[in-house]
Amino acid sequence: MGRESDLSGGQRQRMALARALLSDADIVLLDEPTSQLDGLNEQRFRTVVETLAETRAVIVVAHRLSTVQHAHHVMMLNEGAVVHTGDHPALLARCAPYQQLVAGQAVAGQAVAGR
């Protein structure tokens, strides 16, 4: 086994983010970048993404609300089709599938906090 197999999921995600920072790509695509991160590292991730977004287009694919709620533009997909676009407050006000996603994650978060 190689050294890569010795890394945790969070470490692999941080390594990929470091590679994105060091590259000169105009577009950075991040797929579920916070799925293996704890709250502290997720906040650090947002800071890095903000830095990347100053000079590049950053596209983030995520189900986690905390990952997308600070985005300038969110595209809500439902069954493979775009159903609404906008920022978090706009989608929360007018997009039923987004509202359901937010409500579902709030319930899940309360269940975890109650343990």
C-alpha atoms as a PDB file:
ATOM      1  CA  MET A   1       0.000   0.000   0.000  1.00  0.00           C
ATOM      2  CA  GLY A   2       1.131   3.514  -0.797  1.00  0.00           C
ATOM      3  CA  ARG A   3       1.324   6.494   1.494  1.00  0.00           C
ATOM      4  CA  GLU A   4      -2.013   7.813   0.186  1.00  0.00           C
ATOM      5  CA  SER A   5      -3.802   4.953   1.905  1.00  0.00           C
ATOM      6  CA  ASP A   6      -2.413   6.161   5.234  1.00  0.00           C
ATOM      7  CA  LEU A   7      -4.366   9.429   4.991  1.00  0.00           C
ATOM      8  CA  SER A   8      -7.794   9.923   6.545  1.00  0.00           C
ATOM      9  CA  GLY A   9     -10.667  11.209   4.417  1.00  0.00           C
ATOM     10  CA  GLY A  10     -10.273  14.677   5.914  1.00  0.00           C
ATOM     11  CA  GLN A  11      -6.543  14.671   5.243  1.00  0.00           C
ATOM     12  CA  ARG A  12      -7.138  13.668   1.615  1.00  0.00           C
ATOM     13  CA  GLN A  13      -9.639  16.507   1.237  1.00  0.00           C
ATOM     14  CA  ARG A  14      -7.222  19.027   2.736  1.00  0.00           C
ATOM     15  CA  MET A  15      -4.481  17.739   0.408  1.00  0.00           C
ATOM     16  CA  ALA A  16      -6.748  18.218  -2.618  1.00  0.00           C
ATOM     17  CA  LEU A  17      -7.562  21.742  -1.475  1.00  0.00           C
ATOM     18  CA  ALA A  18      -3.851  22.511  -1.091  1.00  0.00           C
ATOM     19  CA  ARG A  19      -3.276  21.286  -4.647  1.00  0.00           C
ATOM     20  CA  ALA A  20      -6.043  23.606  -5.863  1.00  0.00           C
ATOM     21  CA  LEU A  21      -4.401  26.538  -4.075  1.00  0.00           C
ATOM     22  CA  LEU A  22      -1.058  25.778  -5.695  1.00  0.00           C
ATOM     23  CA  SER A  23      -2.446  25.311  -9.196  1.00  0.00           C
ATOM     24  CA  ASP A  24      -3.090  28.100 -11.651  1.00  0.00           C
ATOM     25  CA  ALA A  25      -6.401  26.687 -12.893  1.00  0.00           C
ATOM     26  CA  ASP A  26      -9.064  29.264 -13.732  1.00  0.00           C
ATOM     27  CA  ILE A  27     -11.824  26.937 -12.524  1.00  0.00           C
ATOM     28  CA  VAL A  28     -11.716  24.854  -9.343  1.00  0.00           C
ATOM     29  CA  LEU A  29     -14.289  22.067  -8.965  1.00  0.00           C
ATOM     30  CA  LEU A  30     -14.805  20.670  -5.465  1.00  0.00           C
ATOM     31  CA  ASP A  31     -17.061  17.640  -5.018  1.00  0.00           C
ATOM     32  CA  GLU A  32     -18.437  17.224  -1.468  1.00  0.00           C
ATOM     33  CA  PRO A  33     -15.340  18.954  -0.063  1.00  0.00           C
ATOM     34  CA  THR A  34     -16.531  19.101   3.556  1.00  0.00           C
ATOM     35  CA  SER A  35     -18.009  15.622   3.904  1.00  0.00           C
ATOM     36  CA  GLN A  36     -15.031  14.389   5.967  1.00  0.00           C
ATOM     37  CA  LEU A  37     -14.304  17.608   7.866  1.00  0.00           C
ATOM     38  CA  ASP A  38     -15.180  18.590  11.412  1.00  0.00           C
ATOM     39  CA  GLY A  39     -16.640  22.023  12.216  1.00  0.00           C
ATOM     40  CA  LEU A  40     -13.296  23.749  12.773  1.00  0.00           C
ATOM     41  CA  ASN A  41     -11.783  22.469   9.545  1.00  0.00           C
ATOM     42  CA  GLU A  42     -14.995  23.286   7.670  1.00  0.00           C
ATOM     43  CA  GLN A  43     -14.614  26.925   8.756  1.00  0.00           C
ATOM     44  CA  ARG A  44     -10.993  26.865   7.572  1.00  0.00           C
ATOM     45  CA  PHE A  45     -12.206  25.388   4.288  1.00  0.00           C
ATOM     46  CA  ARG A  46     -14.606  28.314   3.781  1.00  0.00           C
ATOM     47  CA  THR A  47     -11.744  30.757   4.316  1.00  0.00           C
ATOM     48  CA  VAL A  48      -9.642  28.959   1.698  1.00  0.00           C
ATOM     49  CA  VAL A  49     -12.530  28.892  -0.778  1.00  0.00           C
ATOM     50  CA  GLU A  50     -13.054  32.631  -0.316  1.00  0.00           C
ATOM     51  CA  THR A  51      -9.365  33.141  -1.114  1.00  0.00           C
ATOM     52  CA  LEU A  52      -9.625  30.916  -4.201  1.00  0.00           C
ATOM     53  CA  ALA A  53     -12.760  32.747  -5.367  1.00  0.00           C
ATOM     54  CA  GLU A  54     -10.919  36.067  -5.454  1.00  0.00           C
ATOM     55  CA  THR A  55      -9.074  35.010  -8.605  1.00  0.00           C
ATOM     56  CA  ARG A  56     -10.896  31.916  -9.908  1.00  0.00           C
ATOM     57  CA  ALA A  57     -14.294  30.425 -10.474  1.00  0.00           C
ATOM     58  CA  VAL A  58     -15.017  27.943  -7.683  1.00  0.00           C
ATOM     59  CA  ILE A  59     -17.724  25.347  -8.230  1.00  0.00           C
ATOM     60  CA  VAL A  60     -18.741  23.326  -5.194  1.00  0.00           C
ATOM     61  CA  VAL A  61     -21.006  20.274  -5.381  1.00  0.00           C
ATOM     62  CA  ALA A  62     -22.465  19.600  -1.951  1.00  0.00           C
ATOM     63  CA  HIS A  63     -25.437  18.313  -0.028  1.00  0.00           C
ATOM     64  CA  ARG A  64     -24.320  19.867   3.236  1.00  0.00           C
ATOM     65  CA  LEU A  65     -26.091  23.165   3.826  1.00  0.00           C
ATOM     66  CA  SER A  66     -23.196  24.611   5.799  1.00  0.00           C
ATOM     67  CA  THR A  67     -21.007  24.163   2.725  1.00  0.00           C
ATOM     68  CA  VAL A  68     -23.225  26.192   0.372  1.00  0.00           C
ATOM     69  CA  GLN A  69     -25.057  28.719   2.539  1.00  0.00           C
ATOM     70  CA  HIS A  70     -22.286  31.314   2.142  1.00  0.00           C
ATOM     71  CA  ALA A  71     -21.992  30.899  -1.630  1.00  0.00           C
ATOM     72  CA  HIS A  72     -22.667  33.860  -3.907  1.00  0.00           C
ATOM     73  CA  HIS A  73     -24.771  31.706  -6.215  1.00  0.00           C
ATOM     74  CA  VAL A  74     -26.446  28.362  -5.509  1.00  0.00           C
ATOM     75  CA  MET A  75     -28.065  26.098  -8.067  1.00  0.00           C
ATOM     76  CA  MET A  76     -30.623  23.764  -6.525  1.00  0.00           C
ATOM     77  CA  LEU A  77     -30.981  20.534  -8.442  1.00  0.00           C
ATOM     78  CA  ASN A  78     -33.822  18.099  -7.964  1.00  0.00           C
ATOM     79  CA  GLU A  79     -33.792  14.767  -9.795  1.00  0.00           C
ATOM     80  CA  GLY A  80     -31.044  16.042 -12.116  1.00  0.00           C
ATOM     81  CA  ALA A  81     -32.735  19.297 -13.137  1.00  0.00           C
ATOM     82  CA  VAL A  82     -32.072  22.854 -11.984  1.00  0.00           C
ATOM     83  CA  VAL A  83     -35.173  23.983 -10.099  1.00  0.00           C
ATOM     84  CA  HIS A  84     -33.947  27.321  -8.718  1.00  0.00           C
ATOM     85  CA  THR A  85     -30.886  29.510  -8.495  1.00  0.00           C
ATOM     86  CA  GLY A  86     -29.889  32.338  -6.204  1.00  0.00           C
ATOM     87  CA  ASP A  87     -28.183  32.879  -2.888  1.00  0.00           C
ATOM     88  CA  HIS A  88     -29.134  31.078   0.329  1.00  0.00           C
ATOM     89  CA  PRO A  89     -31.747  33.613   1.539  1.00  0.00           C
ATOM     90  CA  ALA A  90     -33.443  33.743  -1.882  1.00  0.00           C
ATOM     91  CA  LEU A  91     -33.657  29.959  -2.161  1.00  0.00           C
ATOM     92  CA  LEU A  92     -34.874  29.678   1.395  1.00  0.00           C
ATOM     93  CA  ALA A  93     -37.666  32.128   0.593  1.00  0.00           C
ATOM     94  CA  ARG A  94     -38.903  30.622  -2.669  1.00  0.00           C
ATOM     95  CA  CYS A  95     -37.613  27.087  -3.357  1.00  0.00           C
ATOM     96  CA  ALA A  96     -39.549  24.233  -1.742  1.00  0.00           C
ATOM     97  CA  PRO A  97     -36.906  21.519  -2.369  1.00  0.00           C
ATOM     98  CA  TYR A  98     -34.245  23.777  -0.805  1.00  0.00           C
ATOM     99  CA  GLN A  99     -36.521  24.478   2.161  1.00  0.00           C
ATOM    100  CA  GLN A 100     -36.973  20.720   2.602  1.00  0.00           C
ATOM    101  CA  LEU A 101     -33.208  20.171   2.475  1.00  0.00           C
ATOM    102  CA  VAL A 102     -32.678  22.873   5.108  1.00  0.00           C
ATOM    103  CA  ALA A 103     -35.438  21.480   7.341  1.00  0.00           C
ATOM    104  CA  GLY A 104     -34.099  17.929   7.014  1.00  0.00           C
ATOM    105  CA  GLN A 105     -30.596  18.965   7.976  1.00  0.00           C
ATOM    106  CA  ALA A 106     -31.895  21.008  10.913  1.00  0.00           C
ATOM    107  CA  VAL A 107     -33.778  17.957  12.222  1.00  0.00           C
ATOM    108  CA  ALA A 108     -30.718  15.746  11.720  1.00  0.00           C
ATOM    109  CA  GLY A 109     -28.536  18.298  13.521  1.00  0.00           C
ATOM    110  CA  GLN A 110     -30.927  18.439  16.460  1.00  0.00           C
ATOM    111  CA  ALA A 111     -30.958  14.649  16.690  1.00  0.00           C
ATOM    112  CA  VAL A 112     -27.154  14.526  16.807  1.00  0.00           C
ATOM    113  CA  ALA A 113     -26.988  17.365  19.361  1.00  0.00           C
ATOM    114  CA  GLY A 114     -29.546  15.597  21.558  1.00  0.00           C
ATOM    115  CA  ARG A 115     -27.389  12.461  21.908  1.00  0.00           C
END
